[in-house]
Amino acid sequence: MSLKAVFNSIIVKPQEEEETTYGSIVVPDLGKEVGLRGTIVSVGEGYYTITGQWVKTILKEGQKVIIPPVGPTKVEHEGQEYWCCQENQVLAVINN
């Protein structure tokens, strides 16, 4: 992949959402305020604070995360959709 996160940002590949169906009728998930789920594909190295202290990122590539539905920037690259946001916007890490 040629996208690389910088500073304290992350790039997340969205997880395919399952559709709810009743017979041949697809029920949309309209109105649900749930976080976006995905897998981290790139993590920036960190950033310097205003006092000059280096803060290293703690998230790793391959982790499954939940990010808020409002805030991340949607990016399309080579036919794939990705979300970009800062590391501190992650709501949760999904542990299996």
N, C-alpha and C. Protein backbone atom coordinates (compact mmCIF):
# COMPACT_ATOMS: atom_id res chain seq x y z
N MET A 1 0.85 -1.18 0.00
CA MET A 1 0.00 0.00 0.00
C MET A 1 0.89 1.24 0.00
N SER A 2 0.54 2.22 -0.79
CA SER A 2 1.38 3.41 -0.89
C SER A 2 0.91 4.55 0.02
N LEU A 3 -0.17 4.35 0.78
CA LEU A 3 -0.58 5.36 1.77
C LEU A 3 0.19 5.13 3.05
N LYS A 4 0.71 6.19 3.65
CA LYS A 4 1.43 6.07 4.91
C LYS A 4 0.97 7.16 5.85
N ALA A 5 0.58 6.78 7.05
CA ALA A 5 0.15 7.74 8.05
C ALA A 5 1.36 8.51 8.58
N VAL A 6 1.15 9.76 8.95
CA VAL A 6 2.21 10.59 9.50
C VAL A 6 1.80 11.12 10.87
N PHE A 7 2.79 11.56 11.64
CA PHE A 7 2.61 12.11 12.98
C PHE A 7 1.79 11.13 13.85
N ASN A 8 0.67 11.58 14.41
CA ASN A 8 -0.11 10.69 15.27
C ASN A 8 -1.42 10.26 14.59
N SER A 9 -1.39 10.18 13.27
CA SER A 9 -2.59 9.77 12.54
C SER A 9 -2.57 8.27 12.25
N ILE A 10 -3.76 7.74 11.94
CA ILE A 10 -3.89 6.34 11.56
C ILE A 10 -4.73 6.25 10.30
N ILE A 11 -4.55 5.18 9.55
CA ILE A 11 -5.37 4.90 8.38
C ILE A 11 -6.05 3.57 8.63
N VAL A 12 -7.38 3.56 8.50
CA VAL A 12 -8.19 2.39 8.82
C VAL A 12 -8.92 1.91 7.57
N LYS A 13 -8.86 0.61 7.32
CA LYS A 13 -9.64 0.01 6.24
C LYS A 13 -10.96 -0.44 6.84
N PRO A 14 -12.09 0.01 6.30
CA PRO A 14 -13.39 -0.33 6.89
C PRO A 14 -13.69 -1.82 6.81
N GLN A 15 -14.39 -2.28 7.82
CA GLN A 15 -14.85 -3.66 7.87
C GLN A 15 -16.17 -3.74 7.11
N GLU A 16 -16.33 -4.79 6.35
CA GLU A 16 -17.58 -4.97 5.61
C GLU A 16 -18.71 -5.20 6.61
N GLU A 17 -19.76 -4.38 6.50
CA GLU A 17 -20.91 -4.51 7.38
C GLU A 17 -21.90 -5.52 6.80
N GLU A 18 -22.45 -6.33 7.69
CA GLU A 18 -23.44 -7.31 7.27
C GLU A 18 -24.80 -6.64 7.19
N GLU A 19 -25.54 -6.96 6.12
CA GLU A 19 -26.88 -6.42 5.97
C GLU A 19 -27.88 -7.35 6.63
N THR A 20 -28.90 -6.76 7.26
CA THR A 20 -29.97 -7.55 7.85
C THR A 20 -31.02 -7.78 6.78
N THR A 21 -31.40 -9.03 6.60
CA THR A 21 -32.42 -9.35 5.60
C THR A 21 -33.54 -10.17 6.22
N TYR A 22 -34.72 -9.96 5.73
CA TYR A 22 -35.88 -10.77 6.07
C TYR A 22 -36.43 -11.30 4.76
N GLY A 23 -36.11 -12.56 4.47
CA GLY A 23 -36.45 -13.12 3.17
C GLY A 23 -35.61 -12.45 2.11
N SER A 24 -36.25 -11.78 1.14
CA SER A 24 -35.51 -11.08 0.09
C SER A 24 -35.48 -9.57 0.34
N ILE A 25 -35.96 -9.12 1.50
CA ILE A 25 -36.00 -7.69 1.82
C ILE A 25 -34.77 -7.32 2.64
N VAL A 26 -34.03 -6.32 2.17
CA VAL A 26 -32.86 -5.83 2.89
C VAL A 26 -33.30 -4.69 3.81
N VAL A 27 -32.98 -4.82 5.10
CA VAL A 27 -33.35 -3.80 6.09
C VAL A 27 -32.16 -2.88 6.31
N PRO A 28 -32.27 -1.60 5.94
CA PRO A 28 -31.14 -0.69 6.12
C PRO A 28 -30.95 -0.33 7.59
N ASP A 29 -29.71 0.05 7.96
CA ASP A 29 -29.39 0.44 9.33
C ASP A 29 -29.47 1.95 9.49
N LEU A 30 -30.57 2.55 9.04
CA LEU A 30 -30.72 3.99 9.12
C LEU A 30 -31.02 4.40 10.56
N GLY A 31 -30.41 5.47 10.99
CA GLY A 31 -30.69 6.00 12.31
C GLY A 31 -29.84 5.42 13.42
N LYS A 32 -29.08 4.40 13.15
CA LYS A 32 -28.23 3.81 14.18
C LYS A 32 -26.97 4.65 14.30
N GLU A 33 -26.65 5.08 15.50
CA GLU A 33 -25.42 5.82 15.75
C GLU A 33 -24.40 4.87 16.36
N VAL A 34 -23.74 4.13 15.53
CA VAL A 34 -22.73 3.19 16.00
C VAL A 34 -21.38 3.63 15.46
N GLY A 35 -20.33 3.21 16.12
CA GLY A 35 -18.99 3.54 15.64
C GLY A 35 -18.66 2.76 14.38
N LEU A 36 -17.71 3.27 13.64
CA LEU A 36 -17.23 2.61 12.44
C LEU A 36 -16.16 1.59 12.83
N ARG A 37 -16.24 0.40 12.32
CA ARG A 37 -15.28 -0.65 12.64
C ARG A 37 -14.36 -0.87 11.45
N GLY A 38 -13.10 -1.15 11.78
CA GLY A 38 -12.14 -1.39 10.71
C GLY A 38 -10.82 -1.88 11.26
N THR A 39 -9.89 -2.12 10.34
CA THR A 39 -8.55 -2.61 10.68
C THR A 39 -7.53 -1.55 10.33
N ILE A 40 -6.62 -1.29 11.25
CA ILE A 40 -5.57 -0.30 11.03
C ILE A 40 -4.57 -0.84 10.00
N VAL A 41 -4.32 -0.05 8.95
CA VAL A 41 -3.36 -0.46 7.91
C VAL A 41 -2.08 0.36 7.95
N SER A 42 -2.12 1.52 8.62
CA SER A 42 -0.92 2.34 8.75
C SER A 42 -1.04 3.23 9.98
N VAL A 43 0.08 3.39 10.69
CA VAL A 43 0.13 4.20 11.90
C VAL A 43 1.31 5.15 11.82
N GLY A 44 1.09 6.41 12.14
CA GLY A 44 2.19 7.37 12.19
C GLY A 44 3.09 7.07 13.38
N GLU A 45 4.29 7.64 13.38
CA GLU A 45 5.27 7.34 14.42
C GLU A 45 5.01 8.06 15.73
N GLY A 46 4.39 9.22 15.71
CA GLY A 46 4.13 10.00 16.91
C GLY A 46 4.28 11.48 16.62
N TYR A 47 4.37 12.28 17.69
CA TYR A 47 4.46 13.72 17.51
C TYR A 47 5.18 14.35 18.70
N TYR A 48 5.62 15.58 18.52
CA TYR A 48 6.25 16.36 19.58
C TYR A 48 5.20 17.26 20.22
N THR A 49 5.19 17.32 21.55
CA THR A 49 4.30 18.23 22.26
C THR A 49 4.86 19.64 22.17
N ILE A 50 4.12 20.59 22.67
CA ILE A 50 4.56 21.98 22.65
C ILE A 50 5.82 22.19 23.49
N THR A 51 6.05 21.29 24.46
CA THR A 51 7.25 21.39 25.30
C THR A 51 8.43 20.63 24.71
N GLY A 52 8.25 20.02 23.55
CA GLY A 52 9.33 19.31 22.89
C GLY A 52 9.45 17.84 23.25
N GLN A 53 8.51 17.32 24.03
CA GLN A 53 8.54 15.91 24.43
C GLN A 53 7.95 15.05 23.30
N TRP A 54 8.63 13.95 22.98
CA TRP A 54 8.16 13.03 21.93
C TRP A 54 7.11 12.09 22.51
N VAL A 55 5.96 12.01 21.86
CA VAL A 55 4.89 11.09 22.26
C VAL A 55 4.74 10.06 21.16
N LYS A 56 5.08 8.81 21.46
CA LYS A 56 5.01 7.73 20.49
C LYS A 56 3.58 7.18 20.42
N THR A 57 3.16 6.80 19.24
CA THR A 57 1.82 6.21 19.10
C THR A 57 1.81 4.83 19.75
N ILE A 58 0.62 4.42 20.23
CA ILE A 58 0.52 3.12 20.91
C ILE A 58 -0.24 2.08 20.09
N LEU A 59 -0.99 2.54 19.09
CA LEU A 59 -1.72 1.59 18.24
C LEU A 59 -0.77 0.95 17.24
N LYS A 60 -1.13 -0.25 16.78
CA LYS A 60 -0.30 -1.01 15.85
C LYS A 60 -1.12 -1.39 14.61
N GLU A 61 -0.40 -1.59 13.51
CA GLU A 61 -1.05 -2.07 12.29
C GLU A 61 -1.66 -3.44 12.56
N GLY A 62 -2.83 -3.69 11.98
CA GLY A 62 -3.50 -4.98 12.13
C GLY A 62 -4.53 -5.01 13.24
N GLN A 63 -4.51 -4.02 14.15
CA GLN A 63 -5.50 -4.00 15.22
C GLN A 63 -6.87 -3.61 14.66
N LYS A 64 -7.92 -4.23 15.21
CA LYS A 64 -9.28 -3.87 14.84
C LYS A 64 -9.76 -2.82 15.83
N VAL A 65 -10.32 -1.72 15.30
CA VAL A 65 -10.70 -0.59 16.13
C VAL A 65 -12.11 -0.11 15.79
N ILE A 66 -12.66 0.68 16.71
CA ILE A 66 -13.92 1.38 16.49
C ILE A 66 -13.62 2.86 16.56
N ILE A 67 -14.03 3.60 15.51
CA ILE A 67 -13.84 5.04 15.48
C ILE A 67 -15.20 5.70 15.36
N PRO A 68 -15.34 6.97 15.77
CA PRO A 68 -16.65 7.62 15.72
C PRO A 68 -17.14 7.82 14.29
N PRO A 69 -18.47 7.82 14.10
CA PRO A 69 -19.01 8.00 12.75
C PRO A 69 -18.78 9.41 12.21
N VAL A 70 -18.58 10.39 13.09
CA VAL A 70 -18.33 11.76 12.65
C VAL A 70 -16.91 12.13 13.04
N GLY A 71 -16.13 12.61 12.12
CA GLY A 71 -14.77 13.03 12.44
C GLY A 71 -13.73 12.50 11.48
N PRO A 72 -13.67 11.18 11.24
CA PRO A 72 -12.64 10.66 10.32
C PRO A 72 -12.85 11.17 8.89
N THR A 73 -11.76 11.32 8.18
CA THR A 73 -11.80 11.74 6.79
C THR A 73 -11.81 10.51 5.90
N LYS A 74 -12.78 10.45 5.00
CA LYS A 74 -12.90 9.34 4.07
C LYS A 74 -11.98 9.60 2.88
N VAL A 75 -11.13 8.61 2.57
CA VAL A 75 -10.18 8.74 1.47
C VAL A 75 -10.32 7.54 0.55
N GLU A 76 -10.35 7.79 -0.75
CA GLU A 76 -10.37 6.69 -1.72
C GLU A 76 -9.01 6.64 -2.40
N HIS A 77 -8.40 5.44 -2.38
CA HIS A 77 -7.06 5.28 -2.97
C HIS A 77 -7.00 3.94 -3.69
N GLU A 78 -6.67 3.98 -4.96
CA GLU A 78 -6.57 2.79 -5.79
C GLU A 78 -7.82 1.90 -5.70
N GLY A 79 -8.99 2.54 -5.73
CA GLY A 79 -10.25 1.82 -5.73
C GLY A 79 -10.70 1.32 -4.37
N GLN A 80 -9.95 1.58 -3.32
CA GLN A 80 -10.30 1.15 -1.96
C GLN A 80 -10.68 2.37 -1.13
N GLU A 81 -11.59 2.17 -0.18
CA GLU A 81 -11.98 3.24 0.73
C GLU A 81 -11.24 3.08 2.05
N TYR A 82 -10.74 4.19 2.59
CA TYR A 82 -10.05 4.20 3.88
C TYR A 82 -10.56 5.38 4.69
N TRP A 83 -10.39 5.31 6.01
CA TRP A 83 -10.69 6.42 6.91
C TRP A 83 -9.39 6.86 7.55
N CYS A 84 -9.19 8.16 7.66
CA CYS A 84 -8.00 8.71 8.30
C CYS A 84 -8.44 9.56 9.48
N CYS A 85 -7.77 9.39 10.62
CA CYS A 85 -8.06 10.19 11.80
C CYS A 85 -6.85 10.17 12.72
N GLN A 86 -6.90 10.96 13.77
CA GLN A 86 -5.83 10.95 14.75
C GLN A 86 -6.01 9.77 15.69
N GLU A 87 -4.91 9.32 16.24
CA GLU A 87 -4.92 8.15 17.12
C GLU A 87 -5.85 8.36 18.31
N ASN A 88 -5.91 9.57 18.84
CA ASN A 88 -6.73 9.79 20.03
C ASN A 88 -8.22 9.83 19.75
N GLN A 89 -8.64 9.70 18.48
CA GLN A 89 -10.05 9.63 18.15
C GLN A 89 -10.60 8.20 18.23
N VAL A 90 -9.73 7.22 18.37
CA VAL A 90 -10.17 5.82 18.44
C VAL A 90 -10.96 5.62 19.72
N LEU A 91 -12.16 5.05 19.59
CA LEU A 91 -13.03 4.82 20.74
C LEU A 91 -12.68 3.53 21.47
N ALA A 92 -12.29 2.49 20.72
CA ALA A 92 -12.00 1.19 21.34
C ALA A 92 -11.17 0.34 20.41
N VAL A 93 -10.40 -0.57 21.02
CA VAL A 93 -9.67 -1.60 20.29
C VAL A 93 -10.41 -2.90 20.53
N ILE A 94 -10.68 -3.65 19.47
CA ILE A 94 -11.41 -4.92 19.59
C ILE A 94 -10.42 -6.04 19.79
N ASN A 95 -10.46 -6.68 20.94
CA ASN A 95 -9.60 -7.82 21.23
C ASN A 95 -10.38 -9.11 21.01
N ASN A 96 -9.77 -10.06 20.33
CA ASN A 96 -10.45 -11.34 20.06
C ASN A 96 -10.12 -12.34 21.13
